[in-house]
Protein backbone atom coordinates (compact mmCIF):
# COMPACT_ATOMS: atom_id res chain seq x y z
CA MET A 1 0.29 0.00 0.36
CA ARG A 2 1.52 3.26 -0.84
CA PHE A 3 0.46 6.44 0.82
CA ALA A 4 0.39 10.25 0.26
CA PRO A 5 3.88 11.76 0.45
CA TYR A 6 3.79 14.44 3.21
CA VAL A 7 5.28 17.63 4.96
CA GLY A 8 6.57 16.73 8.53
CA ILE A 9 7.25 18.94 11.59
CA ASN A 10 8.03 16.66 14.67
CA GLY A 11 7.84 17.86 18.54
CA TYR A 12 4.79 18.92 19.38
CA LEU A 13 4.09 18.81 22.79
CA TRP A 14 0.60 21.16 23.15
CA PRO A 15 -2.77 21.18 21.11
CA LEU A 16 -2.17 25.17 20.60
CA GLU A 17 1.22 24.40 18.49
CA VAL A 18 -1.06 21.50 16.21
CA GLU A 19 -3.44 24.19 15.88
CA ASN A 20 -1.85 26.68 15.21
CA THR A 21 0.55 25.10 12.26
CA ILE A 22 -2.93 23.25 10.62
CA ALA A 23 -4.24 26.62 9.97
CA PHE A 24 -1.15 28.32 8.32
CA TRP A 25 -0.84 25.02 6.59
CA SER A 26 -4.13 25.14 5.55
CA GLU A 27 -3.79 29.07 4.29
CA GLN A 28 -0.71 27.92 1.93
CA LEU A 29 -2.67 25.20 -0.01
CA LYS A 30 -5.41 27.78 -1.58
CA GLY A 31 -4.06 27.40 -5.03
CA VAL A 32 -1.72 25.27 -4.82
CA ARG A 33 -1.66 22.44 -7.30
CA ASN A 34 -0.92 18.75 -5.04
CA LYS A 35 -1.83 19.31 -2.07
CA ARG A 36 0.17 17.16 0.67
CA PRO A 37 -1.33 15.60 3.99
CA LEU A 38 1.08 17.47 6.83
CA MET A 39 2.47 15.13 9.30
CA ILE A 40 2.22 16.04 12.75
CA GLY A 41 4.60 14.25 14.65
CA VAL A 42 4.57 13.93 18.73
CA SER A 43 7.62 12.19 19.91
CA ALA A 44 7.59 9.56 22.36
CA ASP A 45 9.19 6.79 24.65
CA GLN A 46 9.25 4.19 27.13
CA ASN A 47 8.43 6.62 30.04
CA SER A 48 5.01 7.75 27.67
CA LEU A 49 3.68 4.48 27.65
CA LEU A 50 3.58 5.12 32.04
CA CYS A 51 2.03 8.39 31.36
CA ASP A 52 5.50 9.95 33.26
CA LYS A 53 7.55 12.48 32.47
CA SER A 54 10.03 11.72 30.23
CA LEU A 55 13.60 12.13 31.16
CA GLN A 56 13.33 14.57 28.22
CA GLU A 57 10.43 16.41 28.85
CA LYS A 58 10.88 18.90 26.30
CA ARG A 59 10.74 16.48 23.61
CA TYR A 60 9.11 13.08 24.67
CA ALA A 61 5.12 13.91 25.39
CA PRO A 62 3.98 12.27 28.38
CA GLY A 63 1.34 9.32 27.11
CA SER A 64 -1.68 11.14 28.76
CA ARG A 65 -1.30 14.25 26.83
CA ILE A 66 -0.45 12.69 23.06
CA GLN A 67 -4.06 12.31 22.63
CA HIS A 68 -5.11 15.99 23.27
CA VAL A 69 -2.57 17.15 20.79
CA PHE A 70 -3.45 15.67 17.68
CA ARG A 71 -5.61 17.33 15.94
CA THR A 72 -7.86 17.25 12.45
CA ASP A 73 -8.85 19.83 9.95
CA ASP A 74 -11.26 19.79 7.13
CA SER A 75 -9.05 21.92 4.60
CA ALA A 76 -6.18 20.30 5.08
CA LYS A 77 -4.49 17.05 5.04
CA VAL A 78 -3.25 16.01 8.37
CA LEU A 79 -1.12 13.20 9.44
CA ASN A 80 -0.92 11.71 13.05
CA LEU A 81 2.03 10.39 14.04
CA ILE A 82 3.82 9.20 17.32
CA HIS A 83 8.17 9.03 16.39
CA TYR A 84 8.88 6.31 19.42
CA ASN A 85 11.91 5.51 20.53
CA THR A 86 12.73 2.30 22.53
CA ASN A 87 15.19 0.13 23.91
CA ASN A 88 13.33 -2.78 24.27
CA PRO A 89 12.16 -4.30 20.40
CA ASN A 90 11.57 -7.58 22.00
CA THR A 91 8.04 -6.42 23.19
CA LEU A 92 7.67 -3.95 20.61
CA SER A 93 3.85 -5.39 19.80
CA ASP A 94 3.00 -4.59 22.94
CA GLN A 95 3.89 -1.23 23.65
CA LEU A 96 2.68 -0.07 20.05
CA LEU A 97 -0.54 -1.36 21.31
CA ARG A 98 -0.57 1.01 24.64
CA LEU A 99 0.58 3.40 22.60
CA THR A 100 -2.53 2.94 19.76
CA ASP A 101 -4.57 3.42 23.19
CA LEU A 102 -2.94 6.33 24.13
CA GLY A 103 -2.37 8.04 20.82
CA GLY A 104 -6.35 8.20 20.21
CA ARG A 105 -9.22 8.53 17.41
CA ARG A 106 -6.70 10.74 15.35
CA LEU A 107 -4.11 8.06 15.33
CA HIS A 108 -3.05 7.56 12.08
CA GLY A 109 0.61 5.42 12.41
CA PHE A 110 3.91 5.40 14.01
CA GLN A 111 7.78 6.48 13.48
CA LEU A 112 9.84 3.59 14.71
CA ASN A 113 13.41 5.49 15.53
CA ASP A 114 17.27 3.77 16.18
CA LEU A 115 16.07 0.39 15.72
CA SER A 116 19.00 -1.88 15.34
CA ILE A 117 18.19 -3.44 11.70
CA ASN A 118 20.97 -4.22 10.65
CA ARG A 119 21.67 -6.72 13.47
CA PRO A 120 19.75 -10.07 12.72
CA ALA A 121 18.25 -10.97 15.61
CA VAL A 122 16.93 -8.14 16.38
CA ARG A 123 15.77 -7.69 13.04
CA GLU A 124 14.49 -10.66 13.09
CA ARG A 125 12.16 -10.15 16.40
CA ILE A 126 11.25 -6.22 15.15
CA ILE A 127 9.63 -8.27 11.80
CA SER A 128 7.87 -10.68 14.09
CA GLU A 129 6.58 -8.29 16.81
CA LEU A 130 5.30 -5.54 13.86
CA ALA A 131 3.39 -9.11 12.58
CA LYS A 132 1.87 -9.45 15.45
CA TYR A 133 0.78 -5.66 15.83
CA CYS A 134 -0.46 -5.45 12.09
CA VAL A 135 -3.02 -8.87 12.80
CA ASN A 136 -5.47 -6.25 14.45
CA TYR A 137 -4.35 -3.42 12.88
CA PRO A 138 -3.27 -3.90 8.84
CA ASN A 139 -3.63 -0.72 7.82
CA VAL A 140 -1.34 1.80 9.65
CA ARG A 141 1.20 3.64 7.88
CA ILE A 142 4.50 2.77 10.06
CA ILE A 143 7.98 4.91 8.85
CA LEU A 144 11.06 3.05 9.63
CA GLN A 145 14.15 5.46 9.98
CA THR A 146 17.39 4.19 9.15
CA SER A 147 19.48 6.00 11.83
CA SER A 148 23.31 6.84 11.83
CA ALA A 149 24.23 4.37 13.54
CA VAL A 150 23.31 1.24 11.62
CA VAL A 151 24.67 3.37 8.70
CA SER A 152 27.51 3.74 10.29
CA GLU A 153 28.15 0.63 11.30
CA LEU A 154 27.24 -1.25 7.62
CA GLU A 155 29.79 0.97 6.03
CA ASN A 156 32.49 -0.15 8.59
CA VAL A 157 31.39 -3.94 7.46
CA PHE A 158 30.80 -3.46 4.06
CA GLY A 159 32.49 -0.34 2.07
CA GLU A 160 30.95 0.72 -0.53
CA LYS A 161 27.92 -2.04 -0.64
CA ALA A 162 26.47 -0.60 2.18
CA PRO A 163 23.60 0.97 0.88
CA ASN A 164 22.85 -3.06 -0.45
CA GLU A 165 23.40 -4.43 2.28
CA LEU A 166 20.62 -1.89 3.86
CA ALA A 167 17.51 -2.82 0.99
CA ARG A 168 18.28 -6.19 1.92
CA HIS A 169 17.53 -4.81 5.79
CA ILE A 170 14.89 -3.19 5.10
CA ALA A 171 13.20 -5.76 1.79
CA SER A 172 13.05 -8.05 4.88
CA PHE A 173 9.73 -5.91 6.13
CA GLY A 174 7.69 -6.72 3.57
CA GLY A 175 4.36 -4.80 3.98
CA PHE A 176 5.00 -4.16 7.41
CA VAL A 177 7.29 -0.92 6.46
CA SER A 178 5.08 1.73 4.48
CA ASP A 179 7.83 4.18 3.86
CA ILE A 180 11.94 4.46 5.20
CA LEU A 181 13.37 7.79 6.25
CA PHE A 182 16.69 8.79 5.36
CA ASP A 183 17.76 10.30 8.65
CA MET A 184 21.42 10.37 9.68
CA SER A 185 20.98 13.52 12.50
CA GLY A 186 18.56 11.75 14.77
CA GLY A 187 16.94 14.92 15.99
CA THR A 188 20.41 17.05 16.24
CA GLY A 189 19.40 19.29 13.42
CA LYS A 190 23.24 18.02 11.47
CA LEU A 191 21.96 19.15 7.84
CA LEU A 192 21.73 16.22 5.03
CA ASP A 193 24.15 14.76 2.74
CA ALA A 194 21.95 15.13 -0.04
CA GLU A 195 24.61 12.92 -2.31
CA LYS A 196 24.50 10.56 0.46
CA ALA A 197 20.90 10.60 0.94
CA MET A 198 20.84 9.93 -3.14
CA ARG A 199 23.01 6.59 -3.44
CA TYR A 200 21.05 5.13 -0.33
CA LEU A 201 17.76 5.81 -1.81
CA SER A 202 18.44 4.73 -5.35
CA VAL A 203 18.83 1.22 -3.95
CA ILE A 204 16.46 0.77 -1.77
CA HIS A 205 13.99 1.96 -4.30
CA GLN A 206 15.35 -0.61 -6.38
CA GLU A 207 14.81 -2.79 -4.28
CA ASN A 208 11.06 -1.96 -3.06
CA SER A 209 9.59 0.56 -5.23
CA SER A 210 6.35 0.94 -3.62
CA LEU A 211 8.23 1.84 -0.28
CA GLY A 212 7.64 5.29 0.34
CA LEU A 213 11.36 7.35 0.63
CA GLY A 214 11.54 10.50 3.41
CA VAL A 215 14.62 12.46 4.16
CA ALA A 216 14.87 14.49 7.24
CA GLY A 217 18.56 16.26 8.59
CA GLY A 218 18.74 19.84 9.22
CA LEU A 219 15.88 20.74 7.00
CA GLU A 220 14.63 24.26 7.20
CA GLY A 221 12.43 26.47 4.04
CA ARG A 222 16.10 27.96 2.58
CA VAL A 223 17.40 24.44 2.18
CA LEU A 224 14.16 22.76 0.37
CA PRO A 225 15.94 24.40 -3.02
CA GLY A 226 19.20 22.99 -2.33
CA LEU A 227 17.35 19.31 -2.18
CA SER A 228 15.72 19.42 -5.72
CA ASP A 229 17.70 16.77 -6.93
CA LEU A 230 16.39 14.44 -4.93
CA PHE A 231 12.73 16.11 -4.99
CA PHE A 232 12.88 14.78 -8.97
CA THR A 233 14.71 12.18 -8.19
CA PHE A 234 12.21 10.35 -6.17
CA ARG A 235 8.75 12.31 -7.05
CA ASN A 236 6.78 12.29 -3.87
CA LEU A 237 9.91 12.17 -1.45
CA ASN A 238 8.88 12.88 2.52
CA ILE A 239 10.32 15.66 4.46
CA ASP A 240 10.82 16.02 8.03
CA THR A 241 12.17 18.10 10.56
CA GLU A 242 12.08 19.13 14.03
CA ARG A 243 14.94 20.70 15.36
CA LYS A 244 15.05 23.34 13.39
CA MET A 245 11.64 24.74 14.24
CA LYS A 246 12.71 25.25 17.53
CA ASP A 247 14.61 28.11 19.25
CA VAL A 248 17.36 26.92 22.29
CA GLN A 249 14.84 26.86 24.73
CA GLY A 250 12.93 24.22 22.68
CA ARG A 251 9.99 25.97 21.54
CA PHE A 252 8.88 26.70 18.24
CA ASP A 253 10.07 29.56 16.63
CA TRP A 254 6.83 30.55 13.86
CA LEU A 255 8.75 32.30 12.04
CA VAL A 256 10.95 29.16 11.08
CA VAL A 257 8.11 27.34 11.04
CA HIS A 258 5.76 29.43 8.57
CA GLU A 259 9.22 29.79 6.32
CA TYR A 260 9.01 25.88 6.43
CA LEU A 261 5.53 25.45 5.77
CA SER A 262 4.97 28.15 2.44
CA ILE A 263 8.44 27.40 0.65
CA ALA A 264 7.62 23.78 0.98
CA ALA A 265 3.66 23.32 0.00
CA GLU A 266 4.71 25.90 -3.15
CA PHE A 267 7.35 23.40 -4.06
CA CYS A 268 6.31 20.16 -3.65
CA GLY A 269 2.87 21.26 -5.05
CA THR A 270 5.10 21.93 -8.61
CA ILE A 271 7.21 18.78 -8.40
CA ASP A 272 4.46 16.04 -6.92
CA ASP A 273 3.71 13.98 -9.57
CA PRO A 274 -0.49 13.97 -9.13
CA ALA A 275 -0.61 10.79 -11.25
CA ASP A 276 0.14 8.34 -8.94
CA PRO A 277 -2.15 6.53 -7.01
CA TYR A 278 -1.76 7.32 -2.96
CA GLU A 279 -3.84 5.41 -0.73
CA GLN A 280 -5.36 8.76 1.98
CA PRO A 281 -3.91 8.21 5.91
CA SER A 282 -6.42 6.05 7.91
CA LEU A 283 -7.30 6.29 11.26
CA ILE A 284 -6.18 3.11 13.48
CA ASN A 285 -8.93 3.86 15.74
CA ARG A 286 -12.06 3.80 14.14
């Protein structure tokens, strides 16, 4: 199943932040030929499952707040995702079931971060856990982040063949993963290496052309035009950002957010291929 490409921002903690973002995005879509969903990301960790404050409470939301952060809007397509970090993939299915309850009726899916998919035993367990979860939620959208740690380990072992190995690992997930996010920044705001992303995404696309592709890493409005080669090579490329949207106190800088969204709406609206058939986001808890 192929889902519509999105323009994403992660790191929301409060409903008003989301409402302000959706309102501005709706205005930017007026007159735009191809209207992408806006991805609203809420970060969560295992403390969120207990509805406790995270050790990084300026980034990870307490579980009890997640469903209240998500919003929908009739005038703008919205994709609500929980960006989840876990250090215990052995019980991933149970964790996702708990997050599904915490996400409430507006939740569309998950982004899974920092998983050691290059390690066979870990990868096989993750696939098994996703299979268990997807029995109950077959239409969930799951984005798998490829972290810098995984890529670095593959490059140390396989050198120039690292993209092929990563593509092989990703292919083993089959239909349990809908999209891949190439993200070497891990939320640090480190700028995306477009040439490296091109090498890896090209091989991944050759291995599985139905998989959604995306990039993250220091993205902001002024950076997007410089990624035109990526966008023209991989039409309907997902984009996601977090750190560059916030000030040093971890609060959203609305001037930066608005610039990113206005440029993204125009840029993606021009480049996206409207002929591609895509499924629209489906709510998990309908």
